[in-house]
Amino acid sequence: MTSALESQRKLRRRLISDVSHELNTPLSVIQLEAQGLRDGL
């Protein structure tokens, strides 16, 4: 049970990291594209 709980904690931490990355990457690209469009680049 202890091992399973530790595994779940690791997966939860990985989840936070992965979801954050999966959200931040496209949002950053969208922001850069919008800025480039605004600045005529």
ModelCIF file with pLDDT and N, C-alpha, C, O atoms, coordinates in Angstrom:
data_MODEL
#
_entry.id   MODEL 
#
_entity.id                         1 
_entity.type                       polymer 
_entity.pdbx_number_of_molecules   1 
#
_entity_poly.entity_id                      1 
_entity_poly.type                           'polypeptide(L)' 
_entity_poly.nstd_linkage                   no 
_entity_poly.nstd_monomer                   no 
_entity_poly.pdbx_seq_one_letter_code       MTSALESQRKLRRRLISDVSHELNTPLSVIQLEAQGLRDGL 
_entity_poly.pdbx_seq_one_letter_code_can   MTSALESQRKLRRRLISDVSHELNTPLSVIQLEAQGLRDGL 
_entity_poly.pdbx_strand_id                 A 
#
loop_
_entity_poly_seq.entity_id 
_entity_poly_seq.num 
_entity_poly_seq.mon_id 
_entity_poly_seq.hetero 
1 1  MET n 
1 2  THR n 
1 3  SER n 
1 4  ALA n 
1 5  LEU n 
1 6  GLU n 
1 7  SER n 
1 8  GLN n 
1 9  ARG n 
1 10 LYS n 
1 11 LEU n 
1 12 ARG n 
1 13 ARG n 
1 14 ARG n 
1 15 LEU n 
1 16 ILE n 
1 17 SER n 
1 18 ASP n 
1 19 VAL n 
1 20 SER n 
1 21 HIS n 
1 22 GLU n 
1 23 LEU n 
1 24 ASN n 
1 25 THR n 
1 26 PRO n 
1 27 LEU n 
1 28 SER n 
1 29 VAL n 
1 30 ILE n 
1 31 GLN n 
1 32 LEU n 
1 33 GLU n 
1 34 ALA n 
1 35 GLN n 
1 36 GLY n 
1 37 LEU n 
1 38 ARG n 
1 39 ASP n 
1 40 GLY n 
1 41 LEU n 
#
_struct_asym.id          A 
_struct_asym.entity_id   1 
#
loop_
_ma_qa_metric.id 
_ma_qa_metric.mode 
_ma_qa_metric.name 
_ma_qa_metric.software_group_id 
_ma_qa_metric.type 
1 global pLDDT . pLDDT 
2 local  pLDDT . pLDDT 
#
_ma_qa_metric_global.metric_id      1 
_ma_qa_metric_global.metric_value   75.10 
_ma_qa_metric_global.model_id       1 
_ma_qa_metric_global.ordinal_id     1 
#
loop_
_ma_qa_metric_local.label_asym_id 
_ma_qa_metric_local.label_comp_id 
_ma_qa_metric_local.label_seq_id 
_ma_qa_metric_local.metric_id 
_ma_qa_metric_local.metric_value 
_ma_qa_metric_local.model_id 
_ma_qa_metric_local.ordinal_id 
A MET 1  2 79.00 1 1  
A THR 2  2 79.00 1 2  
A SER 3  2 75.00 1 3  
A ALA 4  2 70.00 1 4  
A LEU 5  2 77.00 1 5  
A GLU 6  2 75.00 1 6  
A SER 7  2 69.00 1 7  
A GLN 8  2 68.00 1 8  
A ARG 9  2 74.00 1 9  
A LYS 10 2 70.00 1 10 
A LEU 11 2 62.00 1 11 
A ARG 12 2 66.00 1 12 
A ARG 13 2 70.00 1 13 
A ARG 14 2 62.00 1 14 
A LEU 15 2 62.00 1 15 
A ILE 16 2 67.00 1 16 
A SER 17 2 65.00 1 17 
A ASP 18 2 62.00 1 18 
A VAL 19 2 67.00 1 19 
A SER 20 2 70.00 1 20 
A HIS 21 2 58.00 1 21 
A GLU 22 2 63.00 1 22 
A LEU 23 2 73.00 1 23 
A ASN 24 2 72.00 1 24 
A THR 25 2 68.00 1 25 
A PRO 26 2 77.00 1 26 
A LEU 27 2 83.00 1 27 
A SER 28 2 80.00 1 28 
A VAL 29 2 80.00 1 29 
A ILE 30 2 86.00 1 30 
A GLN 31 2 87.00 1 31 
A LEU 32 2 85.00 1 32 
A GLU 33 2 86.00 1 33 
A ALA 34 2 88.00 1 34 
A GLN 35 2 88.00 1 35 
A GLY 36 2 86.00 1 36 
A LEU 37 2 85.00 1 37 
A ARG 38 2 88.00 1 38 
A ASP 39 2 87.00 1 39 
A GLY 40 2 86.00 1 40 
A LEU 41 2 84.00 1 41 
#
loop_
_atom_site.group_PDB 
_atom_site.id 
_atom_site.type_symbol 
_atom_site.label_atom_id 
_atom_site.label_alt_id 
_atom_site.label_comp_id 
_atom_site.label_asym_id 
_atom_site.label_entity_id 
_atom_site.label_seq_id 
_atom_site.pdbx_PDB_ins_code 
_atom_site.Cartn_x 
_atom_site.Cartn_y 
_atom_site.Cartn_z 
_atom_site.occupancy 
_atom_site.B_iso_or_equiv 
_atom_site.pdbx_formal_charge 
_atom_site.auth_seq_id 
_atom_site.auth_comp_id 
_atom_site.auth_asym_id 
_atom_site.auth_atom_id 
_atom_site.pdbx_PDB_model_num 
ATOM 1   N N  . MET A 1 1  ? 0.827  -1.196 0.000   1.00 79.00 ? 1  MET A N  1 
ATOM 2   C CA . MET A 1 1  ? 0.000  0.000  0.000   1.00 79.00 ? 1  MET A CA 1 
ATOM 3   C C  . MET A 1 1  ? 0.867  1.254  0.000   1.00 79.00 ? 1  MET A C  1 
ATOM 4   O O  . MET A 1 1  ? 0.578  2.216  -0.712  1.00 79.00 ? 1  MET A O  1 
ATOM 5   N N  . THR A 1 2  ? 1.917  1.241  0.791   1.00 79.00 ? 2  THR A N  1 
ATOM 6   C CA . THR A 1 2  ? 2.827  2.386  0.841   1.00 79.00 ? 2  THR A CA 1 
ATOM 7   C C  . THR A 1 2  ? 3.476  2.621  -0.515  1.00 79.00 ? 2  THR A C  1 
ATOM 8   O O  . THR A 1 2  ? 3.582  3.756  -0.980  1.00 79.00 ? 2  THR A O  1 
ATOM 9   N N  . SER A 1 3  ? 3.911  1.529  -1.143  1.00 75.00 ? 3  SER A N  1 
ATOM 10  C CA . SER A 1 3  ? 4.528  1.633  -2.456  1.00 75.00 ? 3  SER A CA 1 
ATOM 11  C C  . SER A 1 3  ? 3.537  2.179  -3.484  1.00 75.00 ? 3  SER A C  1 
ATOM 12  O O  . SER A 1 3  ? 3.897  3.010  -4.319  1.00 75.00 ? 3  SER A O  1 
ATOM 13  N N  . ALA A 1 4  ? 2.277  1.705  -3.421  1.00 70.00 ? 4  ALA A N  1 
ATOM 14  C CA . ALA A 1 4  ? 1.252  2.176  -4.355  1.00 70.00 ? 4  ALA A CA 1 
ATOM 15  C C  . ALA A 1 4  ? 0.963  3.658  -4.154  1.00 70.00 ? 4  ALA A C  1 
ATOM 16  O O  . ALA A 1 4  ? 0.783  4.401  -5.119  1.00 70.00 ? 4  ALA A O  1 
ATOM 17  N N  . LEU A 1 5  ? 0.920  4.085  -2.887  1.00 77.00 ? 5  LEU A N  1 
ATOM 18  C CA . LEU A 1 5  ? 0.659  5.496  -2.605  1.00 77.00 ? 5  LEU A CA 1 
ATOM 19  C C  . LEU A 1 5  ? 1.798  6.376  -3.117  1.00 77.00 ? 5  LEU A C  1 
ATOM 20  O O  . LEU A 1 5  ? 1.562  7.452  -3.666  1.00 77.00 ? 5  LEU A O  1 
ATOM 21  N N  . GLU A 1 6  ? 3.036  5.910  -2.932  1.00 75.00 ? 6  GLU A N  1 
ATOM 22  C CA . GLU A 1 6  ? 4.177  6.679  -3.414  1.00 75.00 ? 6  GLU A CA 1 
ATOM 23  C C  . GLU A 1 6  ? 4.152  6.769  -4.935  1.00 75.00 ? 6  GLU A C  1 
ATOM 24  O O  . GLU A 1 6  ? 4.471  7.809  -5.511  1.00 75.00 ? 6  GLU A O  1 
ATOM 25  N N  . SER A 1 7  ? 3.763  5.654  -5.586  1.00 69.00 ? 7  SER A N  1 
ATOM 26  C CA . SER A 1 7  ? 3.653  5.667  -7.042  1.00 69.00 ? 7  SER A CA 1 
ATOM 27  C C  . SER A 1 7  ? 2.608  6.671  -7.491  1.00 69.00 ? 7  SER A C  1 
ATOM 28  O O  . SER A 1 7  ? 2.817  7.392  -8.467  1.00 69.00 ? 7  SER A O  1 
ATOM 29  N N  . GLN A 1 8  ? 1.474  6.726  -6.781  1.00 68.00 ? 8  GLN A N  1 
ATOM 30  C CA . GLN A 1 8  ? 0.428  7.682  -7.128  1.00 68.00 ? 8  GLN A CA 1 
ATOM 31  C C  . GLN A 1 8  ? 0.893  9.122  -6.917  1.00 68.00 ? 8  GLN A C  1 
ATOM 32  O O  . GLN A 1 8  ? 0.543  10.006 -7.699  1.00 68.00 ? 8  GLN A O  1 
ATOM 33  N N  . ARG A 1 9  ? 1.681  9.365  -5.862  1.00 74.00 ? 9  ARG A N  1 
ATOM 34  C CA . ARG A 1 9  ? 2.217  10.712 -5.630  1.00 74.00 ? 9  ARG A CA 1 
ATOM 35  C C  . ARG A 1 9  ? 3.128  11.124 -6.796  1.00 74.00 ? 9  ARG A C  1 
ATOM 36  O O  . ARG A 1 9  ? 3.055  12.254 -7.280  1.00 74.00 ? 9  ARG A O  1 
ATOM 37  N N  . LYS A 1 10 ? 3.980  10.202 -7.234  1.00 70.00 ? 10 LYS A N  1 
ATOM 38  C CA . LYS A 1 10 ? 4.877  10.505 -8.348  1.00 70.00 ? 10 LYS A CA 1 
ATOM 39  C C  . LYS A 1 10 ? 4.080  10.794 -9.615  1.00 70.00 ? 10 LYS A C  1 
ATOM 40  O O  . LYS A 1 10 ? 4.399  11.724 -10.356 1.00 70.00 ? 10 LYS A O  1 
ATOM 41  N N  . LEU A 1 11 ? 3.029  9.986  -9.866  1.00 62.00 ? 11 LEU A N  1 
ATOM 42  C CA . LEU A 1 11 ? 2.203  10.204 -11.052 1.00 62.00 ? 11 LEU A CA 1 
ATOM 43  C C  . LEU A 1 11 ? 1.472  11.538 -10.963 1.00 62.00 ? 11 LEU A C  1 
ATOM 44  O O  . LEU A 1 11 ? 1.292  12.223 -11.969 1.00 62.00 ? 11 LEU A O  1 
ATOM 45  N N  . ARG A 1 12 ? 1.044  11.909 -9.731  1.00 66.00 ? 12 ARG A N  1 
ATOM 46  C CA . ARG A 1 12 ? 0.335  13.181 -9.561  1.00 66.00 ? 12 ARG A CA 1 
ATOM 47  C C  . ARG A 1 12 ? 1.280  14.354 -9.858  1.00 66.00 ? 12 ARG A C  1 
ATOM 48  O O  . ARG A 1 12 ? 0.906  15.320 -10.523 1.00 66.00 ? 12 ARG A O  1 
ATOM 49  N N  . ARG A 1 13 ? 2.512  14.242 -9.346  1.00 70.00 ? 13 ARG A N  1 
ATOM 50  C CA . ARG A 1 13 ? 3.486  15.302 -9.627  1.00 70.00 ? 13 ARG A CA 1 
ATOM 51  C C  . ARG A 1 13 ? 3.788  15.370 -11.114 1.00 70.00 ? 13 ARG A C  1 
ATOM 52  O O  . ARG A 1 13 ? 3.908  16.453 -11.686 1.00 70.00 ? 13 ARG A O  1 
ATOM 53  N N  . ARG A 1 14 ? 3.910  14.198 -11.734 1.00 62.00 ? 14 ARG A N  1 
ATOM 54  C CA . ARG A 1 14 ? 4.160  14.171 -13.179 1.00 62.00 ? 14 ARG A CA 1 
ATOM 55  C C  . ARG A 1 14 ? 2.965  14.743 -13.931 1.00 62.00 ? 14 ARG A C  1 
ATOM 56  O O  . ARG A 1 14 ? 3.131  15.428 -14.940 1.00 62.00 ? 14 ARG A O  1 
ATOM 57  N N  . LEU A 1 15 ? 1.750  14.457 -13.436 1.00 62.00 ? 15 LEU A N  1 
ATOM 58  C CA . LEU A 1 15 ? 0.539  14.991 -14.061 1.00 62.00 ? 15 LEU A CA 1 
ATOM 59  C C  . LEU A 1 15 ? 0.571  16.514 -14.069 1.00 62.00 ? 15 LEU A C  1 
ATOM 60  O O  . LEU A 1 15 ? 0.320  17.143 -15.097 1.00 62.00 ? 15 LEU A O  1 
ATOM 61  N N  . ILE A 1 16 ? 0.880  17.099 -12.922 1.00 67.00 ? 16 ILE A N  1 
ATOM 62  C CA . ILE A 1 16 ? 0.912  18.562 -12.828 1.00 67.00 ? 16 ILE A CA 1 
ATOM 63  C C  . ILE A 1 16 ? 1.939  19.129 -13.803 1.00 67.00 ? 16 ILE A C  1 
ATOM 64  O O  . ILE A 1 16 ? 1.683  20.119 -14.489 1.00 67.00 ? 16 ILE A O  1 
ATOM 65  N N  . SER A 1 17 ? 3.111  18.483 -13.852 1.00 65.00 ? 17 SER A N  1 
ATOM 66  C CA . SER A 1 17 ? 4.162  18.953 -14.759 1.00 65.00 ? 17 SER A CA 1 
ATOM 67  C C  . SER A 1 17 ? 3.734  18.803 -16.216 1.00 65.00 ? 17 SER A C  1 
ATOM 68  O O  . SER A 1 17 ? 3.925  19.717 -17.019 1.00 65.00 ? 17 SER A O  1 
ATOM 69  N N  . ASP A 1 18 ? 3.154  17.649 -16.560 1.00 62.00 ? 18 ASP A N  1 
ATOM 70  C CA . ASP A 1 18 ? 2.783  17.385 -17.949 1.00 62.00 ? 18 ASP A CA 1 
ATOM 71  C C  . ASP A 1 18 ? 1.649  18.284 -18.416 1.00 62.00 ? 18 ASP A C  1 
ATOM 72  O O  . ASP A 1 18 ? 1.718  18.858 -19.503 1.00 62.00 ? 18 ASP A O  1 
ATOM 73  N N  . VAL A 1 19 ? 0.593  18.413 -17.591 1.00 67.00 ? 19 VAL A N  1 
ATOM 74  C CA . VAL A 1 19 ? -0.542 19.239 -17.986 1.00 67.00 ? 19 VAL A CA 1 
ATOM 75  C C  . VAL A 1 19 ? -0.113 20.700 -18.104 1.00 67.00 ? 19 VAL A C  1 
ATOM 76  O O  . VAL A 1 19 ? -0.541 21.411 -19.013 1.00 67.00 ? 19 VAL A O  1 
ATOM 77  N N  . SER A 1 20 ? 0.746  21.144 -17.165 1.00 70.00 ? 20 SER A N  1 
ATOM 78  C CA . SER A 1 20 ? 1.255  22.509 -17.237 1.00 70.00 ? 20 SER A CA 1 
ATOM 79  C C  . SER A 1 20 ? 2.011  22.724 -18.542 1.00 70.00 ? 20 SER A C  1 
ATOM 80  O O  . SER A 1 20 ? 1.835  23.742 -19.212 1.00 70.00 ? 20 SER A O  1 
ATOM 81  N N  . HIS A 1 21 ? 2.856  21.756 -18.896 1.00 58.00 ? 21 HIS A N  1 
ATOM 82  C CA . HIS A 1 21 ? 3.619  21.874 -20.138 1.00 58.00 ? 21 HIS A CA 1 
ATOM 83  C C  . HIS A 1 21 ? 2.697  21.837 -21.347 1.00 58.00 ? 21 HIS A C  1 
ATOM 84  O O  . HIS A 1 21 ? 2.860  22.624 -22.279 1.00 58.00 ? 21 HIS A O  1 
ATOM 85  N N  . GLU A 1 22 ? 1.723  20.921 -21.334 1.00 63.00 ? 22 GLU A N  1 
ATOM 86  C CA . GLU A 1 22 ? 0.815  20.777 -22.472 1.00 63.00 ? 22 GLU A CA 1 
ATOM 87  C C  . GLU A 1 22 ? -0.042 22.024 -22.657 1.00 63.00 ? 22 GLU A C  1 
ATOM 88  O O  . GLU A 1 22 ? -0.457 22.326 -23.776 1.00 63.00 ? 22 GLU A O  1 
ATOM 89  N N  . LEU A 1 23 ? -0.310 22.745 -21.586 1.00 73.00 ? 23 LEU A N  1 
ATOM 90  C CA . LEU A 1 23 ? -1.083 23.986 -21.696 1.00 73.00 ? 23 LEU A CA 1 
ATOM 91  C C  . LEU A 1 23 ? -0.190 25.162 -22.076 1.00 73.00 ? 23 LEU A C  1 
ATOM 92  O O  . LEU A 1 23 ? -0.550 25.972 -22.930 1.00 73.00 ? 23 LEU A O  1 
ATOM 93  N N  . ASN A 1 24 ? 0.964  25.250 -21.444 1.00 72.00 ? 24 ASN A N  1 
ATOM 94  C CA . ASN A 1 24 ? 1.827  26.414 -21.650 1.00 72.00 ? 24 ASN A CA 1 
ATOM 95  C C  . ASN A 1 24 ? 2.420  26.481 -23.055 1.00 72.00 ? 24 ASN A C  1 
ATOM 96  O O  . ASN A 1 24 ? 2.531  27.562 -23.633 1.00 72.00 ? 24 ASN A O  1 
ATOM 97  N N  . THR A 1 25 ? 2.796  25.335 -23.601 1.00 68.00 ? 25 THR A N  1 
ATOM 98  C CA . THR A 1 25 ? 3.439  25.349 -24.923 1.00 68.00 ? 25 THR A CA 1 
ATOM 99  C C  . THR A 1 25 ? 2.532  25.923 -26.005 1.00 68.00 ? 25 THR A C  1 
ATOM 100 O O  . THR A 1 25 ? 2.944  26.857 -26.694 1.00 68.00 ? 25 THR A O  1 
ATOM 101 N N  . PRO A 1 26 ? 1.303  25.404 -26.189 1.00 77.00 ? 26 PRO A N  1 
ATOM 102 C CA . PRO A 1 26 ? 0.455  25.998 -27.237 1.00 77.00 ? 26 PRO A CA 1 
ATOM 103 C C  . PRO A 1 26 ? 0.045  27.432 -26.928 1.00 77.00 ? 26 PRO A C  1 
ATOM 104 O O  . PRO A 1 26 ? -0.087 28.243 -27.845 1.00 77.00 ? 26 PRO A O  1 
ATOM 105 N N  . LEU A 1 27 ? -0.160 27.761 -25.656 1.00 83.00 ? 27 LEU A N  1 
ATOM 106 C CA . LEU A 1 27 ? -0.519 29.129 -25.313 1.00 83.00 ? 27 LEU A CA 1 
ATOM 107 C C  . LEU A 1 27 ? 0.626  30.089 -25.654 1.00 83.00 ? 27 LEU A C  1 
ATOM 108 O O  . LEU A 1 27 ? 0.390  31.205 -26.118 1.00 83.00 ? 27 LEU A O  1 
ATOM 109 N N  . SER A 1 28 ? 1.855  29.654 -25.423 1.00 80.00 ? 28 SER A N  1 
ATOM 110 C CA . SER A 1 28 ? 3.003  30.494 -25.761 1.00 80.00 ? 28 SER A CA 1 
ATOM 111 C C  . SER A 1 28 ? 3.107  30.699 -27.265 1.00 80.00 ? 28 SER A C  1 
ATOM 112 O O  . SER A 1 28 ? 3.393  31.802 -27.732 1.00 80.00 ? 28 SER A O  1 
ATOM 113 N N  . VAL A 1 29 ? 2.872  29.623 -28.023 1.00 80.00 ? 29 VAL A N  1 
ATOM 114 C CA . VAL A 1 29 ? 2.929  29.738 -29.483 1.00 80.00 ? 29 VAL A CA 1 
ATOM 115 C C  . VAL A 1 29 ? 1.848  30.683 -29.983 1.00 80.00 ? 29 VAL A C  1 
ATOM 116 O O  . VAL A 1 29 ? 2.104  31.530 -30.839 1.00 80.00 ? 29 VAL A O  1 
ATOM 117 N N  . ILE A 1 30 ? 0.625  30.536 -29.443 1.00 86.00 ? 30 ILE A N  1 
ATOM 118 C CA . ILE A 1 30 ? -0.483 31.405 -29.854 1.00 86.00 ? 30 ILE A CA 1 
ATOM 119 C C  . ILE A 1 30 ? -0.148 32.865 -29.557 1.00 86.00 ? 30 ILE A C  1 
ATOM 120 O O  . ILE A 1 30 ? -0.404 33.746 -30.377 1.00 86.00 ? 30 ILE A O  1 
ATOM 121 N N  . GLN A 1 31 ? 0.430  33.114 -28.372 1.00 87.00 ? 31 GLN A N  1 
ATOM 122 C CA . GLN A 1 31 ? 0.794  34.482 -28.009 1.00 87.00 ? 31 GLN A CA 1 
ATOM 123 C C  . GLN A 1 31 ? 1.849  35.041 -28.952 1.00 87.00 ? 31 GLN A C  1 
ATOM 124 O O  . GLN A 1 31 ? 1.743  36.187 -29.390 1.00 87.00 ? 31 GLN A O  1 
ATOM 125 N N  . LEU A 1 32 ? 2.862  34.247 -29.268 1.00 85.00 ? 32 LEU A N  1 
ATOM 126 C CA . LEU A 1 32 ? 3.923  34.706 -30.166 1.00 85.00 ? 32 LEU A CA 1 
ATOM 127 C C  . LEU A 1 32 ? 3.383  34.970 -31.571 1.00 85.00 ? 32 LEU A C  1 
ATOM 128 O O  . LEU A 1 32 ? 3.761  35.949 -32.216 1.00 85.00 ? 32 LEU A O  1 
ATOM 129 N N  . GLU A 1 33 ? 2.501  34.095 -32.037 1.00 86.00 ? 33 GLU A N  1 
ATOM 130 C CA . GLU A 1 33 ? 1.926  34.296 -33.367 1.00 86.00 ? 33 GLU A CA 1 
ATOM 131 C C  . GLU A 1 33 ? 1.073  35.566 -33.402 1.00 86.00 ? 33 GLU A C  1 
ATOM 132 O O  . GLU A 1 33 ? 1.117  36.319 -34.375 1.00 86.00 ? 33 GLU A O  1 
ATOM 133 N N  . ALA A 1 34 ? 0.304  35.798 -32.350 1.00 88.00 ? 34 ALA A N  1 
ATOM 134 C CA . ALA A 1 34 ? -0.535 37.004 -32.296 1.00 88.00 ? 34 ALA A CA 1 
ATOM 135 C C  . ALA A 1 34 ? 0.328  38.263 -32.244 1.00 88.00 ? 34 ALA A C  1 
ATOM 136 O O  . ALA A 1 34 ? 0.016  39.265 -32.887 1.00 88.00 ? 34 ALA A O  1 
ATOM 137 N N  . GLN A 1 35 ? 1.418  38.206 -31.472 1.00 88.00 ? 35 GLN A N  1 
ATOM 138 C CA . GLN A 1 35 ? 2.323  39.353 -31.401 1.00 88.00 ? 35 GLN A CA 1 
ATOM 139 C C  . GLN A 1 35 ? 2.997  39.609 -32.753 1.00 88.00 ? 35 GLN A C  1 
ATOM 140 O O  . GLN A 1 35 ? 3.139  40.755 -33.180 1.00 88.00 ? 35 GLN A O  1 
ATOM 141 N N  . GLY A 1 36 ? 3.408  38.528 -33.416 1.00 86.00 ? 36 GLY A N  1 
ATOM 142 C CA . GLY A 1 36 ? 4.020  38.679 -34.730 1.00 86.00 ? 36 GLY A CA 1 
ATOM 143 C C  . GLY A 1 36 ? 3.053  39.257 -35.742 1.00 86.00 ? 36 GLY A C  1 
ATOM 144 O O  . GLY A 1 36 ? 3.441  40.054 -36.597 1.00 86.00 ? 36 GLY A O  1 
ATOM 145 N N  . LEU A 1 37 ? 1.793  38.857 -35.649 1.00 85.00 ? 37 LEU A N  1 
ATOM 146 C CA . LEU A 1 37 ? 0.769  39.392 -36.549 1.00 85.00 ? 37 LEU A CA 1 
ATOM 147 C C  . LEU A 1 37 ? 0.544  40.873 -36.276 1.00 85.00 ? 37 LEU A C  1 
ATOM 148 O O  . LEU A 1 37 ? 0.419  41.664 -37.211 1.00 85.00 ? 37 LEU A O  1 
ATOM 149 N N  . ARG A 1 38 ? 0.491  41.256 -34.996 1.00 88.00 ? 38 ARG A N  1 
ATOM 150 C CA . ARG A 1 38 ? 0.293  42.655 -34.611 1.00 88.00 ? 38 ARG A CA 1 
ATOM 151 C C  . ARG A 1 38 ? 1.447  43.534 -35.072 1.00 88.00 ? 38 ARG A C  1 
ATOM 152 O O  . ARG A 1 38 ? 1.248  44.670 -35.503 1.00 88.00 ? 38 ARG A O  1 
ATOM 153 N N  . ASP A 1 39 ? 2.668  42.983 -34.972 1.00 87.00 ? 39 ASP A N  1 
ATOM 154 C CA . ASP A 1 39 ? 3.855  43.772 -35.307 1.00 87.00 ? 39 ASP A CA 1 
ATOM 155 C C  . ASP A 1 39 ? 4.240  43.668 -36.785 1.00 87.00 ? 39 ASP A C  1 
ATOM 156 O O  . ASP A 1 39 ? 5.270  44.202 -37.196 1.00 87.00 ? 39 ASP A O  1 
ATOM 157 N N  . GLY A 1 40 ? 3.427  42.991 -37.571 1.00 86.00 ? 40 GLY A N  1 
ATOM 158 C CA . GLY A 1 40 ? 3.700  42.866 -38.992 1.00 86.00 ? 40 GLY A CA 1 
ATOM 159 C C  . GLY A 1 40 ? 4.825  41.911 -39.331 1.00 86.00 ? 40 GLY A C  1 
ATOM 160 O O  . GLY A 1 40 ? 5.366  41.963 -40.435 1.00 86.00 ? 40 GLY A O  1 
ATOM 161 N N  . LEU A 1 41 ? 5.189  41.031 -38.393 1.00 84.00 ? 41 LEU A N  1 
ATOM 162 C CA . LEU A 1 41 ? 6.270  40.085 -38.627 1.00 84.00 ? 41 LEU A CA 1 
ATOM 163 C C  . LEU A 1 41 ? 5.764  38.740 -39.144 1.00 84.00 ? 41 LEU A C  1 
ATOM 164 O O  . LEU A 1 41 ? 6.560  37.834 -39.390 1.00 84.00 ? 41 LEU A O  1 
#
